[in-house]
């Protein structure tokens, strides 16, 4: 069982993982963001997910829902054992949706909300980690209904 100690990621606000596989996108990373110190003389440390620390270095200024959607997409890919694939930054930005076609924006919005909901359920322990995306689904498709 994964231990969630209640520390929230400073990038997306969801709890971080302190145990389990270190390569997991939700594993804890402590970042020292600025060379200065705060009013008490302590360094400026932030608790982040491994994936959020990677995305934050890219400088993408986005809303919380999209940040959680990116984390949910990366977590779903990892849980589906596709973590050995190397995706570029644009693939994360698109959440795996192909840009061709006239329905791209509609599909992207739906995928964004599904990935954000998946991340919220996964990291707030309302869904047991390792459980299928849809209970009772006999589909061989991935966690978001795509192959």
N, C-alpha and C. Protein backbone atom coordinates (compact mmCIF):
# COMPACT_ATOMS: atom_id res chain seq x y z
N UNK A 1 0.84 -1.18 0.00
CA UNK A 1 0.00 0.00 0.00
C UNK A 1 0.88 1.24 0.00
N UNK A 2 0.51 2.20 -0.77
CA UNK A 2 1.26 3.44 -0.87
C UNK A 2 0.90 4.35 0.30
N UNK A 3 1.91 4.94 0.90
CA UNK A 3 1.69 5.83 2.04
C UNK A 3 1.57 7.27 1.55
N UNK A 4 0.45 7.90 1.84
CA UNK A 4 0.27 9.31 1.53
C UNK A 4 0.26 10.07 2.85
N UNK A 5 1.24 10.91 3.06
CA UNK A 5 1.38 11.58 4.34
C UNK A 5 0.70 12.94 4.40
N UNK A 6 -0.05 13.30 3.40
CA UNK A 6 -0.78 14.56 3.45
C UNK A 6 -0.02 15.76 2.93
N UNK A 7 1.24 15.59 2.51
CA UNK A 7 1.96 16.71 1.94
C UNK A 7 1.47 16.92 0.52
N UNK A 8 1.05 18.12 0.22
CA UNK A 8 0.55 18.43 -1.11
C UNK A 8 1.66 18.95 -2.01
N UNK A 9 1.56 18.61 -3.26
CA UNK A 9 2.50 19.11 -4.26
C UNK A 9 2.29 20.62 -4.41
N UNK A 10 3.37 21.39 -4.45
CA UNK A 10 3.21 22.83 -4.58
C UNK A 10 2.84 23.25 -6.00
N UNK A 11 2.89 22.33 -6.96
CA UNK A 11 2.55 22.66 -8.35
C UNK A 11 1.09 22.35 -8.65
N UNK A 12 0.61 21.16 -8.25
CA UNK A 12 -0.76 20.77 -8.58
C UNK A 12 -1.67 20.64 -7.37
N UNK A 13 -1.12 20.59 -6.16
CA UNK A 13 -1.92 20.56 -4.95
C UNK A 13 -2.35 19.18 -4.48
N UNK A 14 -2.03 18.12 -5.21
CA UNK A 14 -2.42 16.76 -4.81
C UNK A 14 -1.35 16.15 -3.91
N UNK A 15 -1.73 15.20 -3.04
CA UNK A 15 -0.74 14.56 -2.15
C UNK A 15 0.33 13.80 -2.94
N UNK A 16 1.53 13.74 -2.39
CA UNK A 16 2.64 13.04 -3.03
C UNK A 16 2.84 11.66 -2.40
N UNK A 17 3.52 10.78 -3.13
CA UNK A 17 3.82 9.42 -2.64
C UNK A 17 5.20 9.41 -2.01
N UNK A 18 5.30 8.80 -0.83
CA UNK A 18 6.59 8.68 -0.15
C UNK A 18 7.14 7.26 -0.24
N UNK A 19 6.33 6.31 -0.66
CA UNK A 19 6.79 4.93 -0.76
C UNK A 19 6.44 4.41 -2.15
N UNK A 20 6.92 3.23 -2.44
CA UNK A 20 6.65 2.65 -3.75
C UNK A 20 7.81 2.90 -4.70
N UNK A 21 7.56 2.64 -5.96
CA UNK A 21 8.56 2.76 -7.01
C UNK A 21 9.01 4.21 -7.17
N UNK A 22 10.32 4.42 -7.19
CA UNK A 22 10.85 5.78 -7.32
C UNK A 22 10.61 6.38 -8.70
N UNK A 23 10.41 5.54 -9.71
CA UNK A 23 10.18 6.05 -11.06
C UNK A 23 8.73 6.47 -11.28
N UNK A 24 7.87 6.23 -10.30
CA UNK A 24 6.45 6.59 -10.43
C UNK A 24 6.33 8.10 -10.57
N UNK A 25 5.45 8.60 -11.46
CA UNK A 25 5.31 10.05 -11.65
C UNK A 25 4.87 10.79 -10.39
N UNK A 26 4.24 10.11 -9.44
CA UNK A 26 3.76 10.76 -8.24
C UNK A 26 4.69 10.67 -7.05
N UNK A 27 5.87 10.09 -7.25
CA UNK A 27 6.82 9.96 -6.14
C UNK A 27 7.33 11.33 -5.72
N UNK A 28 7.66 11.48 -4.44
CA UNK A 28 8.04 12.77 -3.88
C UNK A 28 9.41 13.24 -4.38
N UNK A 29 9.51 14.53 -4.65
CA UNK A 29 10.76 15.19 -4.98
C UNK A 29 10.79 16.48 -4.17
N UNK A 30 11.90 16.75 -3.51
CA UNK A 30 12.06 18.00 -2.77
C UNK A 30 12.96 18.90 -3.60
N UNK A 31 12.45 20.05 -3.99
CA UNK A 31 13.20 20.98 -4.83
C UNK A 31 13.58 22.23 -4.05
N UNK A 32 14.80 22.68 -4.25
CA UNK A 32 15.26 23.95 -3.70
C UNK A 32 15.15 24.95 -4.84
N UNK A 33 14.14 25.82 -4.76
CA UNK A 33 13.80 26.65 -5.91
C UNK A 33 14.61 27.93 -6.04
N UNK A 34 14.93 28.56 -4.94
CA UNK A 34 15.67 29.82 -5.05
C UNK A 34 16.88 29.78 -4.13
N UNK A 35 17.93 30.51 -4.48
CA UNK A 35 19.13 30.48 -3.65
C UNK A 35 18.95 31.19 -2.31
N UNK A 36 17.93 32.01 -2.17
CA UNK A 36 17.71 32.75 -0.94
C UNK A 36 17.03 31.92 0.13
N UNK A 37 16.73 32.58 1.23
CA UNK A 37 16.04 31.93 2.34
C UNK A 37 14.77 32.71 2.67
N UNK A 38 13.91 32.10 3.47
CA UNK A 38 12.68 32.79 3.88
C UNK A 38 12.96 33.66 5.11
N UNK A 39 11.91 34.20 5.73
CA UNK A 39 12.06 35.12 6.86
C UNK A 39 12.71 34.45 8.07
N UNK A 40 12.54 33.13 8.21
CA UNK A 40 13.12 32.41 9.34
C UNK A 40 14.55 31.94 9.08
N UNK A 41 15.07 32.22 7.89
CA UNK A 41 16.42 31.79 7.56
C UNK A 41 16.49 30.38 7.00
N UNK A 42 15.34 29.78 6.68
CA UNK A 42 15.30 28.43 6.13
C UNK A 42 15.31 28.48 4.60
N UNK A 43 15.87 27.47 3.95
CA UNK A 43 15.87 27.47 2.48
C UNK A 43 14.46 27.31 1.93
N UNK A 44 14.26 27.81 0.72
CA UNK A 44 12.96 27.73 0.06
C UNK A 44 12.80 26.35 -0.58
N UNK A 45 12.30 25.39 0.18
CA UNK A 45 12.10 24.03 -0.31
C UNK A 45 10.63 23.82 -0.64
N UNK A 46 10.37 23.06 -1.71
CA UNK A 46 9.00 22.74 -2.07
C UNK A 46 8.88 21.24 -2.32
N UNK A 47 7.75 20.69 -1.91
CA UNK A 47 7.43 19.28 -2.13
C UNK A 47 6.69 19.18 -3.46
N UNK A 48 7.18 18.31 -4.35
CA UNK A 48 6.59 18.16 -5.68
C UNK A 48 6.47 16.68 -6.03
N UNK A 49 5.58 16.37 -6.98
CA UNK A 49 5.58 15.06 -7.61
C UNK A 49 6.78 15.02 -8.56
N UNK A 50 7.27 13.85 -8.83
CA UNK A 50 8.38 13.70 -9.76
C UNK A 50 8.02 14.28 -11.13
N UNK A 51 6.80 13.98 -11.60
CA UNK A 51 6.37 14.48 -12.90
C UNK A 51 6.19 15.99 -12.88
N UNK A 52 5.60 16.53 -11.80
CA UNK A 52 5.37 17.97 -11.71
C UNK A 52 6.69 18.74 -11.68
N UNK A 53 7.71 18.19 -11.03
CA UNK A 53 9.01 18.84 -11.00
C UNK A 53 9.59 18.93 -12.40
N UNK A 54 9.39 17.88 -13.20
CA UNK A 54 9.87 17.87 -14.58
C UNK A 54 9.13 18.90 -15.42
N UNK A 55 7.81 18.95 -15.29
CA UNK A 55 7.00 19.88 -16.08
C UNK A 55 7.24 21.32 -15.65
N UNK A 56 7.42 21.54 -14.35
CA UNK A 56 7.62 22.89 -13.83
C UNK A 56 8.91 23.51 -14.35
N UNK A 57 9.92 22.69 -14.59
CA UNK A 57 11.18 23.22 -15.12
C UNK A 57 11.00 23.79 -16.52
N UNK A 58 9.97 23.29 -17.24
CA UNK A 58 9.70 23.78 -18.59
C UNK A 58 9.09 25.17 -18.60
N UNK A 59 8.60 25.64 -17.46
CA UNK A 59 8.07 26.99 -17.36
C UNK A 59 6.66 27.15 -17.89
N UNK A 60 5.89 26.07 -17.97
CA UNK A 60 4.53 26.17 -18.47
C UNK A 60 3.62 26.77 -17.40
N UNK A 61 3.04 27.92 -17.70
CA UNK A 61 2.12 28.59 -16.77
C UNK A 61 0.70 28.18 -17.14
N UNK A 62 0.10 27.30 -16.35
CA UNK A 62 -1.23 26.79 -16.67
C UNK A 62 -2.07 26.75 -15.41
N UNK A 63 -3.35 26.43 -15.60
CA UNK A 63 -4.26 26.30 -14.47
C UNK A 63 -4.09 24.98 -13.74
N UNK A 64 -4.70 24.89 -12.58
CA UNK A 64 -4.58 23.70 -11.73
C UNK A 64 -5.19 22.48 -12.41
N UNK A 65 -6.32 22.64 -13.11
CA UNK A 65 -6.97 21.50 -13.75
C UNK A 65 -6.05 20.88 -14.79
N UNK A 66 -5.40 21.70 -15.60
CA UNK A 66 -4.50 21.17 -16.62
C UNK A 66 -3.26 20.54 -15.98
N UNK A 67 -2.76 21.10 -14.91
CA UNK A 67 -1.62 20.50 -14.20
C UNK A 67 -1.99 19.12 -13.69
N UNK A 68 -3.18 19.00 -13.11
CA UNK A 68 -3.64 17.70 -12.61
C UNK A 68 -3.91 16.74 -13.76
N UNK A 69 -4.39 17.25 -14.88
CA UNK A 69 -4.62 16.39 -16.04
C UNK A 69 -3.31 15.81 -16.54
N UNK A 70 -2.28 16.62 -16.62
CA UNK A 70 -0.97 16.11 -17.05
C UNK A 70 -0.47 15.03 -16.11
N UNK A 71 -0.60 15.26 -14.80
CA UNK A 71 -0.17 14.26 -13.82
C UNK A 71 -1.01 12.99 -13.95
N UNK A 72 -2.32 13.13 -14.14
CA UNK A 72 -3.19 11.97 -14.31
C UNK A 72 -2.84 11.18 -15.55
N UNK A 73 -2.52 11.87 -16.64
CA UNK A 73 -2.16 11.19 -17.88
C UNK A 73 -0.86 10.43 -17.70
N UNK A 74 0.15 11.07 -17.09
CA UNK A 74 1.44 10.40 -16.88
C UNK A 74 1.29 9.21 -15.92
N UNK A 75 0.46 9.36 -14.89
CA UNK A 75 0.24 8.27 -13.95
C UNK A 75 -0.47 7.11 -14.62
N UNK A 76 -1.48 7.41 -15.42
CA UNK A 76 -2.19 6.36 -16.15
C UNK A 76 -1.29 5.61 -17.11
N UNK A 77 -0.42 6.33 -17.80
CA UNK A 77 0.53 5.68 -18.70
C UNK A 77 1.49 4.80 -17.92
N UNK A 78 1.94 5.27 -16.77
CA UNK A 78 2.85 4.48 -15.94
C UNK A 78 2.16 3.23 -15.42
N UNK A 79 0.93 3.38 -14.92
CA UNK A 79 0.19 2.24 -14.38
C UNK A 79 -0.15 1.22 -15.45
N UNK A 80 -0.26 1.65 -16.69
CA UNK A 80 -0.54 0.74 -17.80
C UNK A 80 0.75 0.12 -18.35
N UNK A 81 1.86 0.28 -17.64
CA UNK A 81 3.18 -0.24 -18.00
C UNK A 81 3.67 0.32 -19.32
N UNK A 82 3.33 1.55 -19.58
CA UNK A 82 3.87 2.22 -20.77
C UNK A 82 4.89 3.25 -20.35
N UNK A 83 5.43 3.13 -19.13
CA UNK A 83 6.36 4.12 -18.61
C UNK A 83 7.74 4.04 -19.26
N UNK A 84 7.98 3.01 -20.06
CA UNK A 84 9.28 2.91 -20.69
C UNK A 84 9.32 3.68 -22.00
N UNK A 85 8.15 4.10 -22.48
CA UNK A 85 8.11 4.94 -23.67
C UNK A 85 8.60 6.33 -23.31
N UNK A 86 9.18 7.00 -24.25
CA UNK A 86 9.65 8.36 -24.04
C UNK A 86 8.79 9.30 -24.87
N UNK A 87 8.02 10.12 -24.20
CA UNK A 87 7.15 11.07 -24.88
C UNK A 87 7.76 12.45 -24.80
N UNK A 88 7.60 13.21 -25.87
CA UNK A 88 8.07 14.59 -25.86
C UNK A 88 7.10 15.49 -25.10
N UNK A 89 7.50 16.73 -24.93
CA UNK A 89 6.68 17.68 -24.19
C UNK A 89 5.35 17.91 -24.87
N UNK A 90 5.34 17.96 -26.20
CA UNK A 90 4.07 18.19 -26.90
C UNK A 90 3.09 17.06 -26.66
N UNK A 91 3.57 15.83 -26.50
CA UNK A 91 2.67 14.70 -26.25
C UNK A 91 1.99 14.87 -24.89
N UNK A 92 2.71 15.35 -23.89
CA UNK A 92 2.09 15.62 -22.59
C UNK A 92 1.09 16.76 -22.71
N UNK A 93 1.44 17.79 -23.45
CA UNK A 93 0.54 18.93 -23.59
C UNK A 93 -0.77 18.52 -24.25
N UNK A 94 -0.71 17.58 -25.19
CA UNK A 94 -1.91 17.12 -25.90
C UNK A 94 -2.63 16.01 -25.16
N UNK A 95 -2.06 15.49 -24.08
CA UNK A 95 -2.63 14.38 -23.31
C UNK A 95 -2.86 13.15 -24.16
N UNK A 96 -2.00 12.95 -25.14
CA UNK A 96 -2.08 11.77 -25.99
C UNK A 96 -3.08 11.85 -27.11
N UNK A 97 -3.78 12.97 -27.28
CA UNK A 97 -4.77 13.13 -28.34
C UNK A 97 -4.05 13.60 -29.60
N UNK A 98 -4.35 12.96 -30.73
CA UNK A 98 -3.74 13.36 -32.00
C UNK A 98 -4.38 14.64 -32.50
N UNK A 99 -3.58 15.50 -33.11
CA UNK A 99 -4.06 16.82 -33.52
C UNK A 99 -4.86 16.80 -34.80
N UNK A 100 -4.84 15.72 -35.54
CA UNK A 100 -5.59 15.66 -36.78
C UNK A 100 -7.09 15.62 -36.55
N UNK A 101 -7.82 16.19 -37.49
CA UNK A 101 -9.28 16.12 -37.40
C UNK A 101 -9.90 17.38 -36.83
N UNK A 102 -11.19 17.51 -37.05
CA UNK A 102 -11.91 18.71 -36.61
C UNK A 102 -12.38 18.60 -35.18
N UNK A 103 -12.38 17.41 -34.62
CA UNK A 103 -12.88 17.23 -33.26
C UNK A 103 -11.77 17.23 -32.20
N UNK A 104 -10.58 17.70 -32.57
CA UNK A 104 -9.46 17.67 -31.64
C UNK A 104 -9.78 18.41 -30.34
N UNK A 105 -10.31 19.62 -30.44
CA UNK A 105 -10.56 20.42 -29.24
C UNK A 105 -11.58 19.75 -28.33
N UNK A 106 -12.63 19.18 -28.93
CA UNK A 106 -13.65 18.49 -28.12
C UNK A 106 -13.04 17.29 -27.41
N UNK A 107 -12.29 16.47 -28.13
CA UNK A 107 -11.67 15.28 -27.53
C UNK A 107 -10.64 15.68 -26.47
N UNK A 108 -9.89 16.77 -26.73
CA UNK A 108 -8.88 17.22 -25.78
C UNK A 108 -9.53 17.68 -24.48
N UNK A 109 -10.64 18.41 -24.58
CA UNK A 109 -11.33 18.88 -23.37
C UNK A 109 -11.85 17.71 -22.54
N UNK A 110 -12.43 16.72 -23.21
CA UNK A 110 -12.93 15.53 -22.50
C UNK A 110 -11.78 14.79 -21.84
N UNK A 111 -10.68 14.60 -22.57
CA UNK A 111 -9.52 13.90 -22.02
C UNK A 111 -8.93 14.67 -20.85
N UNK A 112 -8.90 16.00 -20.95
CA UNK A 112 -8.36 16.82 -19.86
C UNK A 112 -9.16 16.59 -18.58
N UNK A 113 -10.47 16.61 -18.66
CA UNK A 113 -11.29 16.43 -17.46
C UNK A 113 -11.18 15.01 -16.92
N UNK A 114 -11.12 14.02 -17.81
CA UNK A 114 -10.99 12.63 -17.35
C UNK A 114 -9.64 12.40 -16.68
N UNK A 115 -8.58 12.96 -17.24
CA UNK A 115 -7.25 12.79 -16.64
C UNK A 115 -7.14 13.52 -15.31
N UNK A 116 -7.73 14.71 -15.22
CA UNK A 116 -7.70 15.45 -13.96
C UNK A 116 -8.49 14.70 -12.88
N UNK A 117 -9.65 14.15 -13.25
CA UNK A 117 -10.44 13.38 -12.29
C UNK A 117 -9.69 12.12 -11.87
N UNK A 118 -9.00 11.48 -12.81
CA UNK A 118 -8.21 10.29 -12.50
C UNK A 118 -7.11 10.63 -11.50
N UNK A 119 -6.42 11.75 -11.70
CA UNK A 119 -5.35 12.15 -10.78
C UNK A 119 -5.92 12.44 -9.40
N UNK A 120 -7.04 13.12 -9.34
CA UNK A 120 -7.64 13.44 -8.03
C UNK A 120 -8.03 12.17 -7.29
N UNK A 121 -8.65 11.23 -7.99
CA UNK A 121 -9.04 9.97 -7.34
C UNK A 121 -7.81 9.16 -6.92
N UNK A 122 -6.82 9.12 -7.78
CA UNK A 122 -5.64 8.30 -7.52
C UNK A 122 -4.84 8.83 -6.33
N UNK A 123 -4.60 10.12 -6.28
CA UNK A 123 -3.72 10.67 -5.26
C UNK A 123 -4.43 11.05 -3.97
N UNK A 124 -5.74 11.11 -3.96
CA UNK A 124 -6.45 11.38 -2.71
C UNK A 124 -6.98 10.09 -2.10
N UNK A 125 -6.60 8.96 -2.64
CA UNK A 125 -6.92 7.62 -2.12
C UNK A 125 -8.41 7.32 -2.10
N UNK A 126 -9.21 8.00 -2.92
CA UNK A 126 -10.60 7.61 -3.06
C UNK A 126 -10.72 6.45 -4.04
N UNK A 127 -9.64 6.17 -4.75
CA UNK A 127 -9.57 5.03 -5.65
C UNK A 127 -8.32 4.26 -5.26
N UNK A 128 -8.44 2.96 -5.13
CA UNK A 128 -7.31 2.13 -4.74
C UNK A 128 -6.28 2.10 -5.87
N UNK A 129 -5.01 2.47 -5.63
CA UNK A 129 -4.00 2.41 -6.67
C UNK A 129 -3.86 0.99 -7.22
N UNK A 130 -3.79 0.88 -8.52
CA UNK A 130 -3.68 -0.41 -9.17
C UNK A 130 -5.01 -0.96 -9.63
N UNK A 131 -6.12 -0.36 -9.17
CA UNK A 131 -7.44 -0.81 -9.60
C UNK A 131 -7.69 -0.32 -11.03
N UNK A 132 -8.52 -1.03 -11.79
CA UNK A 132 -8.78 -0.60 -13.17
C UNK A 132 -9.50 0.75 -13.19
N UNK A 133 -9.36 1.44 -14.31
CA UNK A 133 -9.98 2.74 -14.47
C UNK A 133 -11.49 2.64 -14.31
N UNK A 134 -12.10 1.66 -14.94
CA UNK A 134 -13.54 1.44 -14.80
C UNK A 134 -13.74 0.07 -14.19
N UNK A 135 -14.38 0.02 -13.06
CA UNK A 135 -14.61 -1.27 -12.39
C UNK A 135 -15.50 -2.14 -13.24
N UNK A 136 -15.11 -3.39 -13.41
CA UNK A 136 -15.91 -4.34 -14.16
C UNK A 136 -15.74 -4.24 -15.66
N UNK A 137 -14.87 -3.39 -16.14
CA UNK A 137 -14.68 -3.23 -17.57
C UNK A 137 -13.96 -4.45 -18.12
N UNK A 138 -14.48 -5.03 -19.19
CA UNK A 138 -13.84 -6.18 -19.79
C UNK A 138 -13.04 -5.77 -21.02
N UNK A 139 -12.92 -4.48 -21.23
CA UNK A 139 -12.20 -3.97 -22.37
C UNK A 139 -10.70 -4.17 -22.17
N UNK A 140 -9.98 -4.39 -23.26
CA UNK A 140 -8.54 -4.52 -23.19
C UNK A 140 -7.87 -3.18 -23.49
N UNK A 141 -8.65 -2.14 -23.58
CA UNK A 141 -8.10 -0.83 -23.87
C UNK A 141 -7.45 -0.27 -22.62
N UNK A 142 -6.72 0.82 -22.78
CA UNK A 142 -6.02 1.45 -21.67
C UNK A 142 -6.96 2.09 -20.67
N UNK A 143 -6.40 2.78 -19.72
CA UNK A 143 -7.16 3.32 -18.61
C UNK A 143 -8.14 4.41 -19.03
N UNK A 144 -7.91 5.06 -20.15
CA UNK A 144 -8.82 6.11 -20.60
C UNK A 144 -9.62 5.68 -21.82
N UNK A 145 -9.64 4.39 -22.09
CA UNK A 145 -10.41 3.89 -23.21
C UNK A 145 -9.70 4.00 -24.54
N UNK A 146 -8.38 4.21 -24.53
CA UNK A 146 -7.62 4.28 -25.76
C UNK A 146 -6.57 3.18 -25.75
N UNK A 147 -6.17 2.73 -26.91
CA UNK A 147 -5.16 1.69 -26.98
C UNK A 147 -3.79 2.27 -27.14
